Amino acid sequence: MTSNVDKLVAEASKLIGDKHVTTNLAFRRSYLARSVMGIRAGIAEAIIKPGNAEEVQGIVKLCNELKVPISPYSGGLSGGYAQPLRDEGIILDLVRLNNIIEVDIDNRYVVVEPGVTSGQVWAYFRKEYPEWAPPVPDGAPPRATLIGDAVERGFSLVTSKYGPQGRMINGLEVILPRGDKIHTGSWAMKGVKPFYPWGPGPDFTGLFLGAQGTMGVITKAAIRIIPHPPHIDLVAWDYDNPEDMTDHTLAVVKKEVGVMVQGGNWWLVPSRKDEREVPTTLEAWRKEKYYIPAWMMNFELWAHTEKELESQHDIIQEEADKLIKQGRSMKPWELHPAAKAGRLKKPNLIAVPYSMHRAGFVFITWYLPFADTAEFSNICVETMEKHDLPPVVWVSSIEQGRQCIGMPIVCFDSRTEAGYEQAEAWDRETTEIFHKKGWLNYRPNAFIHWPAMRPMMPEYVGMLKELKDLWDPNRIMHPGRLDVD
């Protein structure tokens, strides 16, 4: 450890207690294994676990004084580079800040601390407020955190309808790098509820969304809740190609049907199993296992009445009938009851099995116009096959098809250095292709995506530098993906 980290550990131990501060190497290394959005990280010099916002503020002030880098961390599951990118500084683990502070069903928000997990908040609502639902992340394990997903503008169980998680935030409590505590939205006024997201002037909340801890440490968030109606169903459709999948889905979501609309290609199924145990062609899979579509889309439907639910079913069928009359190929796909139940369970573990295929996986995610979904999917399949990667493509409607989030799931051999090189070679090639298409990295990594993006947005990078100079002159905050130094 550096001498300044030694000093910080000693002072932090006085402030929050010895048992919440550790420099144990095995414990520090354990944090490297908790990421699904990035495959590079460093090992922090110490792990510090404050218990409340005041202790966070005290630690941040110490770090600023001693110029020790901070990597804020809660669940670490969906954010990827929640670990430091360099072997220096501390991880500020916010797991002990795990209180559900307030639920307001009139203004429709919940206030939580960063350690509150998806499983915790979902169980709480099912018991105390069964007619309401927090927007828990979809696909992430129950210990993923609600704030971690929200501030990363992540993907929740209702993103297809309401938009990325960033749209669900009414306000934040943040400790800035100098130690100042601020609130955003209507929360900025003393004694006012976080009912209004934007406050009286500029929208400061947006400065912290997608920032990966670069701008400050978030200690509370007011996150919108949505009705959880009694009539819920999941219908799946079968397509021969991504063009039919894209056109049918876009027609449906333009009618604002579905809270969760997501799908992809058949490789989403075999890549959840050990590659030694599964056929590698669709025909062989169907012969040896069971029928799955070449391309598929799931429409999760929520309704307050049976009539409303039936109407949504009708719209999906009607839009398909229009395309079928034009010679397009699509049909309903009857899901196995167990598959349907697993998909509807919240929160679910649907992402975890991808680690079984080749021992490692990483989600590399892009935003694009939904109309471009088929082109994106075809490029992913072609390039992944070229790099000897299973061509696993997942896509979803965002905010009723205003955007698509496209996420190739890169299953690679994490037991070998060659596996990492293979994954990053594919990533570099497609980054160049996708940027030329005008598509945008969601959660860009600091080694491939961000260096390629920086020359494309000089004014944006300049503003980030000016903000860092103002709020973080000692550059103590974790640089995240947007390393502007």
Protein backbone atom coordinates (compact mmCIF):
# COMPACT_ATOMS: atom_id res chain seq x y z
CA MET A 1 0.00 0.00 0.00
CA THR A 2 1.01 3.59 -0.50
CA SER A 3 1.70 5.64 2.62
CA ASN A 4 -1.40 7.75 2.02
CA VAL A 5 -3.60 4.64 1.90
CA ASP A 6 -2.02 3.53 5.20
CA LYS A 7 -3.03 6.87 6.70
CA LEU A 8 -6.53 6.59 5.22
CA VAL A 9 -7.03 3.07 6.61
CA ALA A 10 -5.98 4.25 10.07
CA GLU A 11 -8.31 7.27 10.01
CA ALA A 12 -11.20 5.34 8.45
CA SER A 13 -10.90 2.68 11.15
CA LYS A 14 -11.35 5.37 13.79
CA LEU A 15 -14.33 6.82 11.94
CA ILE A 16 -16.34 3.67 11.14
CA GLY A 17 -14.65 0.86 13.12
CA ASP A 18 -11.91 -1.66 12.36
CA LYS A 19 -14.30 -4.42 11.27
CA HIS A 20 -15.52 -2.31 8.34
CA VAL A 21 -12.05 -1.67 6.91
CA THR A 22 -9.81 -4.34 5.39
CA THR A 23 -6.63 -4.67 3.37
CA ASN A 24 -6.84 -8.48 3.15
CA LEU A 25 -5.59 -9.48 -0.32
CA ALA A 26 -7.98 -12.40 -0.80
CA PHE A 27 -10.95 -10.21 0.08
CA ARG A 28 -9.76 -7.44 -2.23
CA ARG A 29 -9.31 -9.92 -5.08
CA SER A 30 -12.80 -11.30 -4.56
CA TYR A 31 -14.26 -8.08 -5.97
CA LEU A 32 -12.77 -8.85 -9.38
CA ALA A 33 -15.21 -11.71 -9.92
CA ARG A 34 -18.41 -9.69 -9.62
CA SER A 35 -18.65 -8.00 -12.99
CA VAL A 36 -20.63 -8.96 -16.10
CA MET A 37 -20.11 -5.80 -18.15
CA GLY A 38 -16.32 -5.61 -18.25
CA ILE A 39 -13.36 -7.99 -18.28
CA ARG A 40 -10.62 -5.67 -17.03
CA ALA A 41 -10.14 -4.28 -13.55
CA GLY A 42 -7.52 -3.54 -10.94
CA ILE A 43 -7.24 -4.59 -7.31
CA ALA A 44 -7.96 -1.90 -4.75
CA GLU A 45 -5.53 -1.32 -1.89
CA ALA A 46 -8.29 -1.40 0.71
CA ILE A 47 -12.02 -2.05 1.09
CA ILE A 48 -13.95 0.41 3.24
CA LYS A 49 -17.62 -0.11 4.17
CA PRO A 50 -19.30 2.98 5.64
CA GLY A 51 -22.69 2.56 7.30
CA ASN A 52 -24.49 5.80 6.44
CA ALA A 53 -24.25 8.95 4.35
CA GLU A 54 -22.38 10.85 7.06
CA GLU A 55 -19.69 8.16 7.20
CA VAL A 56 -19.48 8.22 3.40
CA GLN A 57 -19.00 11.97 3.56
CA GLY A 58 -16.25 11.59 6.15
CA ILE A 59 -14.38 8.98 4.08
CA VAL A 60 -14.66 11.07 0.90
CA LYS A 61 -13.24 14.11 2.70
CA LEU A 62 -10.32 12.02 3.95
CA CYS A 63 -9.67 10.66 0.46
CA ASN A 64 -9.72 14.15 -0.99
CA GLU A 65 -7.30 15.39 1.64
CA LEU A 66 -4.92 12.44 1.14
CA LYS A 67 -5.49 12.23 -2.65
CA VAL A 68 -6.53 8.55 -2.51
CA PRO A 69 -8.66 7.33 -5.46
CA ILE A 70 -12.19 6.08 -4.68
CA SER A 71 -14.24 3.48 -6.52
CA PRO A 72 -17.86 3.57 -5.27
CA TYR A 73 -19.44 0.13 -5.26
CA SER A 74 -22.73 -1.47 -4.26
CA GLY A 75 -23.66 -4.79 -5.89
CA GLY A 76 -21.12 -4.65 -8.69
CA LEU A 77 -23.15 -6.97 -10.90
CA SER A 78 -24.50 -4.86 -13.71
CA GLY A 79 -22.15 -1.91 -13.83
CA GLY A 80 -19.04 -3.72 -14.99
CA TYR A 81 -16.21 -1.38 -14.08
CA ALA A 82 -17.38 -0.91 -10.53
CA GLN A 83 -13.90 -2.11 -9.64
CA PRO A 84 -10.96 0.28 -10.01
CA LEU A 85 -9.26 0.21 -13.38
CA ARG A 86 -5.87 0.53 -11.76
CA ASP A 87 -4.22 -1.22 -8.82
CA GLU A 88 -4.60 1.72 -6.49
CA GLY A 89 -6.99 3.45 -4.15
CA ILE A 90 -9.96 2.05 -2.27
CA ILE A 91 -13.28 0.45 -3.00
CA LEU A 92 -15.96 2.31 -1.10
CA ASP A 93 -18.41 -0.57 -0.65
CA LEU A 94 -21.87 0.79 0.12
CA VAL A 95 -23.41 -2.57 0.98
CA ARG A 96 -24.22 -1.45 4.56
CA LEU A 97 -26.36 1.43 3.28
CA ASN A 98 -29.28 -0.93 2.72
CA ASN A 99 -32.38 0.87 3.97
CA ILE A 100 -35.69 1.32 2.17
CA ILE A 101 -36.41 4.77 3.54
CA GLU A 102 -39.77 5.84 2.15
CA VAL A 103 -42.57 4.68 -0.13
CA ASP A 104 -44.99 7.29 -1.47
CA ILE A 105 -47.78 5.68 -3.48
CA ASP A 106 -49.45 9.00 -4.30
CA ASN A 107 -46.34 10.55 -5.85
CA ARG A 108 -45.28 7.03 -6.82
CA TYR A 109 -41.67 6.68 -5.76
CA VAL A 110 -39.49 4.74 -3.35
CA VAL A 111 -36.41 6.19 -1.63
CA VAL A 112 -33.60 3.67 -1.21
CA GLU A 113 -29.95 3.57 -0.27
CA PRO A 114 -27.33 2.10 -2.63
CA GLY A 115 -27.04 -1.25 -0.83
CA VAL A 116 -30.73 -2.12 -1.29
CA THR A 117 -30.88 -5.18 -3.53
CA SER A 118 -33.44 -6.14 -6.14
CA GLY A 119 -34.51 -9.17 -4.15
CA GLN A 120 -34.89 -7.12 -0.99
CA VAL A 121 -37.00 -4.35 -2.50
CA TRP A 122 -39.10 -6.75 -4.59
CA ALA A 123 -39.94 -8.89 -1.55
CA TYR A 124 -40.75 -5.77 0.47
CA PHE A 125 -43.19 -4.51 -2.15
CA ARG A 126 -44.84 -7.90 -2.56
CA LYS A 127 -45.54 -7.93 1.18
CA GLU A 128 -46.31 -4.27 1.89
CA TYR A 129 -47.43 -2.78 -1.44
CA PRO A 130 -48.49 -5.67 -3.71
CA GLU A 131 -50.29 -3.36 -6.15
CA TRP A 132 -47.03 -1.53 -6.90
CA ALA A 133 -43.68 -2.57 -8.30
CA PRO A 134 -40.17 -1.09 -8.07
CA PRO A 135 -38.36 -1.21 -11.42
CA VAL A 136 -35.89 -3.94 -10.49
CA PRO A 137 -33.23 -4.83 -13.07
CA ASP A 138 -34.18 -7.66 -15.37
CA GLY A 139 -31.89 -10.64 -15.80
CA ALA A 140 -29.56 -9.66 -12.97
CA PRO A 141 -29.44 -11.81 -9.81
CA PRO A 142 -31.47 -10.75 -6.75
CA ARG A 143 -28.41 -9.23 -5.09
CA ALA A 144 -27.97 -6.67 -7.86
CA THR A 145 -28.85 -3.25 -6.47
CA LEU A 146 -31.72 -0.98 -7.45
CA ILE A 147 -29.60 2.20 -7.41
CA GLY A 148 -26.73 0.53 -9.28
CA ASP A 149 -29.05 -0.25 -12.16
CA ALA A 150 -30.88 3.07 -12.00
CA VAL A 151 -27.87 5.38 -12.10
CA GLU A 152 -26.39 3.34 -14.94
CA ARG A 153 -29.61 4.00 -16.90
CA GLY A 154 -30.03 0.25 -16.87
CA PHE A 155 -32.63 -2.21 -18.03
CA SER A 156 -35.55 -3.01 -15.74
CA LEU A 157 -38.67 -5.13 -15.90
CA VAL A 158 -40.56 -2.18 -17.45
CA THR A 159 -37.91 -0.50 -19.59
CA SER A 160 -39.63 -1.46 -22.82
CA LYS A 161 -42.57 0.71 -21.79
CA TYR A 162 -41.15 3.46 -19.60
CA GLY A 163 -37.61 3.86 -20.88
CA PRO A 164 -34.16 3.31 -19.34
CA GLN A 165 -33.83 3.40 -15.58
CA GLY A 166 -32.49 6.94 -15.71
CA ARG A 167 -36.01 8.09 -16.61
CA MET A 168 -37.28 6.53 -13.40
CA ILE A 169 -35.19 8.71 -11.06
CA ASN A 170 -36.89 11.63 -9.29
CA GLY A 171 -33.84 12.79 -7.39
CA LEU A 172 -30.49 11.87 -5.87
CA GLU A 173 -28.51 12.51 -2.72
CA VAL A 174 -24.84 12.72 -3.70
CA ILE A 175 -21.55 13.25 -1.91
CA LEU A 176 -19.30 15.22 -4.27
CA PRO A 177 -15.54 14.52 -4.40
CA ARG A 178 -14.77 17.50 -2.16
CA GLY A 179 -17.17 16.16 0.46
CA ASP A 180 -20.17 18.40 -0.24
CA LYS A 181 -23.59 16.75 0.06
CA ILE A 182 -26.14 17.83 -2.55
CA HIS A 183 -29.66 16.82 -3.59
CA THR A 184 -31.14 17.01 -7.06
CA GLY A 185 -34.65 17.59 -8.38
CA SER A 186 -37.25 19.05 -6.01
CA TRP A 187 -35.17 17.45 -3.21
CA ALA A 188 -32.77 20.40 -3.61
CA MET A 189 -35.23 22.54 -1.64
CA LYS A 190 -35.00 21.85 2.08
CA GLY A 191 -37.93 19.84 3.39
CA VAL A 192 -39.44 19.17 -0.06
CA LYS A 193 -40.34 15.68 -1.23
CA PRO A 194 -38.56 14.20 -4.28
CA PHE A 195 -41.71 14.31 -6.38
CA TYR A 196 -40.32 16.36 -9.29
CA PRO A 197 -37.21 15.20 -11.17
CA TRP A 198 -35.78 18.42 -12.57
CA GLY A 199 -35.76 21.02 -9.83
CA PRO A 200 -36.15 24.74 -10.49
CA GLY A 201 -33.37 25.01 -13.08
CA PRO A 202 -30.86 22.78 -14.90
CA ASP A 203 -31.21 19.03 -14.46
CA PHE A 204 -28.28 18.12 -12.23
CA THR A 205 -29.43 14.51 -11.86
CA GLY A 206 -28.31 13.76 -15.40
CA LEU A 207 -24.69 14.57 -14.49
CA PHE A 208 -24.53 11.42 -12.38
CA LEU A 209 -26.35 9.00 -14.69
CA GLY A 210 -23.95 6.73 -16.54
CA ALA A 211 -21.01 8.41 -14.80
CA GLN A 212 -19.83 5.15 -13.15
CA GLY A 213 -18.82 6.92 -9.97
CA THR A 214 -16.79 9.53 -11.84
CA MET A 215 -18.77 12.50 -10.53
CA GLY A 216 -19.59 11.55 -6.93
CA VAL A 217 -20.95 8.97 -4.50
CA ILE A 218 -24.72 8.49 -4.56
CA THR A 219 -26.11 7.74 -1.10
CA LYS A 220 -29.87 7.90 -1.76
CA ALA A 221 -32.19 7.85 -4.76
CA ALA A 222 -35.89 8.46 -5.22
CA ILE A 223 -36.97 5.98 -7.90
CA ARG A 224 -40.40 5.82 -9.50
CA ILE A 225 -42.65 2.85 -8.89
CA ILE A 226 -45.27 1.55 -11.30
CA PRO A 227 -48.60 -0.27 -10.95
CA HIS A 228 -48.32 -4.04 -10.65
CA PRO A 229 -51.68 -5.14 -12.07
CA PRO A 230 -53.33 -8.53 -11.50
CA HIS A 231 -53.41 -9.67 -15.14
CA ILE A 232 -49.96 -10.63 -16.45
CA ASP A 233 -49.04 -12.82 -19.39
CA LEU A 234 -46.09 -13.64 -21.61
CA VAL A 235 -46.46 -14.43 -25.28
CA ALA A 236 -43.64 -15.46 -27.59
CA TRP A 237 -43.35 -15.28 -31.37
CA ASP A 238 -41.34 -17.32 -33.82
CA TYR A 239 -39.53 -15.78 -36.84
CA ASP A 240 -37.32 -17.17 -39.57
CA ASN A 241 -35.12 -14.07 -39.71
CA PRO A 242 -34.33 -10.87 -37.79
CA GLU A 243 -36.04 -8.68 -40.40
CA ASP A 244 -39.45 -10.20 -39.65
CA MET A 245 -38.75 -10.05 -35.92
CA THR A 246 -37.81 -6.37 -36.15
CA ASP A 247 -40.73 -5.24 -38.29
CA HIS A 248 -43.38 -7.10 -36.29
CA THR A 249 -42.00 -5.95 -32.95
CA LEU A 250 -41.72 -2.32 -34.05
CA ALA A 251 -45.32 -2.34 -35.27
CA VAL A 252 -46.50 -3.71 -31.92
CA VAL A 253 -44.52 -1.38 -29.66
CA LYS A 254 -45.62 1.64 -31.68
CA LYS A 255 -49.06 0.75 -30.30
CA GLU A 256 -47.42 0.88 -26.83
CA VAL A 257 -48.04 -2.77 -26.04
CA GLY A 258 -45.81 -4.62 -23.58
CA VAL A 259 -43.86 -3.62 -20.48
CA MET A 260 -41.01 -5.94 -21.43
CA VAL A 261 -40.37 -6.77 -25.08
CA GLN A 262 -37.17 -8.69 -25.72
CA GLY A 263 -35.79 -11.50 -27.81
CA GLY A 264 -33.02 -12.54 -30.15
CA ASN A 265 -31.72 -15.60 -31.91
CA TRP A 266 -31.80 -19.29 -31.06
CA TRP A 267 -28.28 -19.16 -29.64
CA LEU A 268 -29.75 -17.56 -26.51
CA VAL A 269 -30.75 -21.10 -25.49
CA PRO A 270 -27.70 -23.38 -26.09
CA SER A 271 -25.23 -20.77 -24.81
CA ARG A 272 -26.77 -21.21 -21.35
CA LYS A 273 -25.26 -24.72 -21.25
CA ASP A 274 -21.76 -26.20 -21.45
CA GLU A 275 -20.68 -26.08 -25.11
CA ARG A 276 -19.60 -29.74 -24.94
CA GLU A 277 -23.20 -30.74 -24.29
CA VAL A 278 -25.11 -28.89 -27.00
CA PRO A 279 -25.45 -29.10 -30.79
CA THR A 280 -23.98 -26.16 -32.70
CA THR A 281 -26.55 -25.90 -35.51
CA LEU A 282 -30.23 -25.11 -35.28
CA GLU A 283 -31.19 -28.24 -37.18
CA ALA A 284 -29.15 -30.49 -34.89
CA TRP A 285 -30.48 -28.73 -31.82
CA ARG A 286 -34.08 -29.26 -32.91
CA LYS A 287 -33.40 -32.91 -33.69
CA GLU A 288 -31.57 -33.73 -30.45
CA LYS A 289 -33.27 -31.36 -28.01
CA TYR A 290 -36.52 -29.55 -28.74
CA TYR A 291 -37.99 -26.97 -31.07
CA ILE A 292 -36.86 -23.37 -30.76
CA PRO A 293 -37.29 -20.55 -33.29
CA ALA A 294 -34.41 -19.23 -35.35
CA TRP A 295 -35.37 -15.78 -34.04
CA MET A 296 -37.82 -15.04 -31.26
CA MET A 297 -39.48 -12.19 -29.37
CA ASN A 298 -41.17 -12.27 -25.95
CA PHE A 299 -43.94 -9.80 -25.16
CA GLU A 300 -44.64 -9.45 -21.45
CA LEU A 301 -48.09 -7.97 -20.96
CA TRP A 302 -49.51 -6.27 -17.88
CA ALA A 303 -53.17 -5.29 -17.64
CA HIS A 304 -55.67 -4.17 -15.03
CA THR A 305 -58.51 -6.15 -16.56
CA GLU A 306 -58.93 -9.30 -18.62
CA LYS A 307 -60.38 -7.18 -21.41
CA GLU A 308 -57.27 -4.98 -21.49
CA LEU A 309 -55.04 -8.06 -21.60
CA GLU A 310 -57.10 -9.55 -24.42
CA SER A 311 -56.80 -6.30 -26.36
CA GLN A 312 -52.99 -6.47 -26.17
CA HIS A 313 -53.03 -10.05 -27.44
CA ASP A 314 -55.23 -8.91 -30.32
CA ILE A 315 -52.87 -6.09 -31.31
CA ILE A 316 -49.89 -8.46 -31.47
CA GLN A 317 -51.84 -10.85 -33.68
CA GLU A 318 -53.29 -8.10 -35.88
CA GLU A 319 -49.88 -6.61 -36.62
CA ALA A 320 -48.57 -10.07 -37.47
CA ASP A 321 -51.51 -10.70 -39.81
CA LYS A 322 -50.71 -7.52 -41.75
CA LEU A 323 -47.14 -8.69 -42.35
CA ILE A 324 -48.16 -12.27 -43.13
CA LYS A 325 -50.39 -10.94 -45.89
CA GLN A 326 -47.25 -9.37 -47.38
CA GLY A 327 -45.57 -12.77 -47.48
CA ARG A 328 -43.63 -12.46 -44.22
CA SER A 329 -43.10 -15.48 -41.96
CA MET A 330 -44.06 -15.46 -38.27
CA LYS A 331 -46.19 -17.43 -35.86
CA PRO A 332 -46.93 -17.70 -32.13
CA TRP A 333 -44.56 -19.93 -30.18
CA GLU A 334 -45.97 -21.86 -27.25
CA LEU A 335 -43.50 -21.61 -24.39
CA HIS A 336 -42.94 -24.48 -21.99
CA PRO A 337 -44.71 -23.61 -18.70
CA ALA A 338 -41.42 -23.76 -16.79
CA ALA A 339 -39.75 -21.38 -19.25
CA LYS A 340 -42.69 -19.01 -19.00
CA ALA A 341 -42.67 -19.09 -15.21
CA GLY A 342 -38.92 -18.47 -15.11
CA ARG A 343 -39.25 -15.49 -17.43
CA LEU A 344 -42.06 -13.96 -15.35
CA LYS A 345 -40.31 -14.44 -12.02
CA LYS A 346 -38.88 -11.20 -10.62
CA PRO A 347 -36.02 -10.79 -10.06
CA ASN A 348 -34.75 -13.71 -12.07
CA LEU A 349 -31.41 -15.41 -12.68
CA ILE A 350 -31.71 -15.56 -16.45
CA ALA A 351 -28.26 -14.06 -17.12
CA VAL A 352 -26.23 -16.27 -14.79
CA PRO A 353 -26.13 -19.54 -16.83
CA TYR A 354 -24.25 -17.87 -19.71
CA SER A 355 -21.10 -18.34 -17.64
CA MET A 356 -21.48 -22.10 -18.09
CA HIS A 357 -20.94 -22.18 -21.86
CA ARG A 358 -17.22 -21.36 -21.98
CA ALA A 359 -16.53 -20.39 -18.36
CA GLY A 360 -16.82 -16.65 -18.98
CA PHE A 361 -19.16 -14.13 -20.53
CA VAL A 362 -19.48 -10.40 -20.95
CA PHE A 363 -22.39 -8.26 -22.09
CA ILE A 364 -21.35 -5.67 -24.70
CA THR A 365 -24.26 -3.36 -25.22
CA TRP A 366 -25.33 -0.80 -27.82
CA TYR A 367 -28.14 1.68 -28.37
CA LEU A 368 -29.54 2.08 -31.86
CA PRO A 369 -32.80 2.99 -33.60
CA PHE A 370 -35.16 0.03 -33.35
CA ALA A 371 -35.58 -0.02 -37.12
CA ASP A 372 -31.87 -0.95 -37.34
CA THR A 373 -32.28 -4.04 -35.13
CA ALA A 374 -32.13 -6.58 -37.97
CA GLU A 375 -28.98 -5.04 -39.46
CA PHE A 376 -27.34 -4.97 -36.04
CA SER A 377 -28.27 -8.60 -35.42
CA ASN A 378 -26.92 -9.78 -38.77
CA ILE A 379 -23.59 -8.01 -38.25
CA CYS A 380 -23.25 -9.52 -34.78
CA VAL A 381 -23.88 -13.06 -36.03
CA GLU A 382 -21.49 -12.71 -38.95
CA THR A 383 -18.63 -11.23 -36.94
CA MET A 384 -19.04 -13.51 -33.92
CA GLU A 385 -18.87 -16.57 -36.16
CA LYS A 386 -15.79 -15.08 -37.83
CA HIS A 387 -14.10 -14.84 -34.41
CA ASP A 388 -15.21 -18.35 -33.39
CA LEU A 389 -17.59 -17.01 -30.76
CA PRO A 390 -21.10 -18.38 -30.26
CA PRO A 391 -23.30 -15.85 -32.12
CA VAL A 392 -25.56 -14.98 -29.17
CA VAL A 393 -27.70 -11.91 -29.85
CA TRP A 394 -30.20 -10.39 -27.41
CA VAL A 395 -32.26 -7.30 -28.28
CA SER A 396 -35.01 -5.34 -26.61
CA SER A 397 -37.39 -2.50 -27.26
CA ILE A 398 -36.63 0.59 -25.22
CA GLU A 399 -39.34 3.13 -24.42
CA GLN A 400 -41.92 1.64 -26.79
CA GLY A 401 -39.48 1.11 -29.62
CA ARG A 402 -38.00 4.58 -29.68
CA GLN A 403 -34.69 2.77 -29.35
CA CYS A 404 -33.33 -0.76 -29.36
CA ILE A 405 -30.81 -1.99 -26.86
CA GLY A 406 -28.71 -4.61 -28.62
CA MET A 407 -26.59 -6.86 -26.49
CA PRO A 408 -24.37 -9.54 -27.98
CA ILE A 409 -23.54 -11.96 -25.18
CA VAL A 410 -19.88 -12.82 -25.64
CA CYS A 411 -19.23 -16.29 -24.22
CA PHE A 412 -15.46 -16.77 -24.05
CA ASP A 413 -12.99 -19.01 -22.29
CA SER A 414 -12.05 -17.03 -19.20
CA ARG A 415 -9.56 -19.74 -18.20
CA THR A 416 -7.09 -18.70 -20.90
CA GLU A 417 -5.48 -15.46 -21.99
CA ALA A 418 -6.44 -16.32 -25.56
CA GLY A 419 -10.11 -16.26 -24.56
CA TYR A 420 -9.87 -12.65 -23.40
CA GLU A 421 -7.95 -11.68 -26.54
CA GLN A 422 -10.61 -13.32 -28.69
CA ALA A 423 -13.43 -11.40 -26.98
CA GLU A 424 -11.64 -8.08 -27.24
CA ALA A 425 -10.65 -8.63 -30.89
CA TRP A 426 -14.33 -9.06 -31.75
CA ASP A 427 -15.20 -6.01 -29.68
CA ARG A 428 -12.64 -3.82 -31.45
CA GLU A 429 -13.84 -4.86 -34.91
CA THR A 430 -17.52 -4.30 -34.20
CA THR A 431 -16.89 -1.03 -32.39
CA GLU A 432 -15.45 0.41 -35.59
CA ILE A 433 -18.39 -0.91 -37.63
CA PHE A 434 -21.08 0.21 -35.22
CA HIS A 435 -19.72 3.71 -34.69
CA LYS A 436 -19.78 4.23 -38.45
CA LYS A 437 -23.45 3.23 -38.37
CA GLY A 438 -24.10 5.95 -35.79
CA TRP A 439 -24.85 3.52 -32.97
CA LEU A 440 -23.89 4.38 -29.41
CA ASN A 441 -22.15 2.35 -26.73
CA TYR A 442 -24.17 1.84 -23.59
CA ARG A 443 -21.71 1.55 -20.70
CA PRO A 444 -18.65 2.03 -22.94
CA ASN A 445 -15.50 0.36 -21.69
CA ALA A 446 -12.39 2.40 -21.07
CA PHE A 447 -10.08 0.35 -23.27
CA ILE A 448 -11.91 -0.05 -26.58
CA HIS A 449 -15.14 1.97 -26.81
CA TRP A 450 -14.21 5.20 -25.08
CA PRO A 451 -10.89 5.77 -26.91
CA ALA A 452 -12.78 5.29 -30.18
CA MET A 453 -15.61 7.62 -29.13
CA ARG A 454 -13.55 10.51 -27.74
CA PRO A 455 -12.43 11.90 -31.12
CA MET A 456 -16.06 11.82 -32.27
CA MET A 457 -17.24 14.12 -29.45
CA PRO A 458 -14.53 16.68 -28.56
CA GLU A 459 -16.97 19.24 -27.13
CA TYR A 460 -18.54 16.61 -24.87
CA VAL A 461 -15.14 15.49 -23.58
CA GLY A 462 -14.19 19.11 -23.00
CA MET A 463 -17.26 19.68 -20.83
CA LEU A 464 -16.48 16.56 -18.80
CA LYS A 465 -12.96 17.82 -18.16
CA GLU A 466 -14.26 21.20 -17.01
CA LEU A 467 -16.71 19.55 -14.63
CA LYS A 468 -13.96 17.34 -13.22
CA ASP A 469 -11.72 20.35 -12.71
CA LEU A 470 -14.50 22.05 -10.77
CA TRP A 471 -15.84 19.18 -8.66
CA ASP A 472 -12.85 16.87 -8.43
CA PRO A 473 -9.65 18.91 -8.73
CA ASN A 474 -7.62 16.20 -6.99
CA ARG A 475 -9.01 13.53 -9.34
CA ILE A 476 -9.90 11.15 -6.52
CA MET A 477 -13.05 9.71 -8.06
CA HIS A 478 -12.90 6.40 -9.88
CA PRO A 479 -12.42 7.27 -13.56
CA GLY A 480 -14.96 4.68 -14.70
CA ARG A 481 -15.31 4.28 -18.42
CA LEU A 482 -15.22 8.00 -19.10
CA ASP A 483 -11.58 8.53 -18.16
CA VAL A 484 -11.17 12.21 -19.02
CA ASP A 485 -7.72 12.76 -17.47
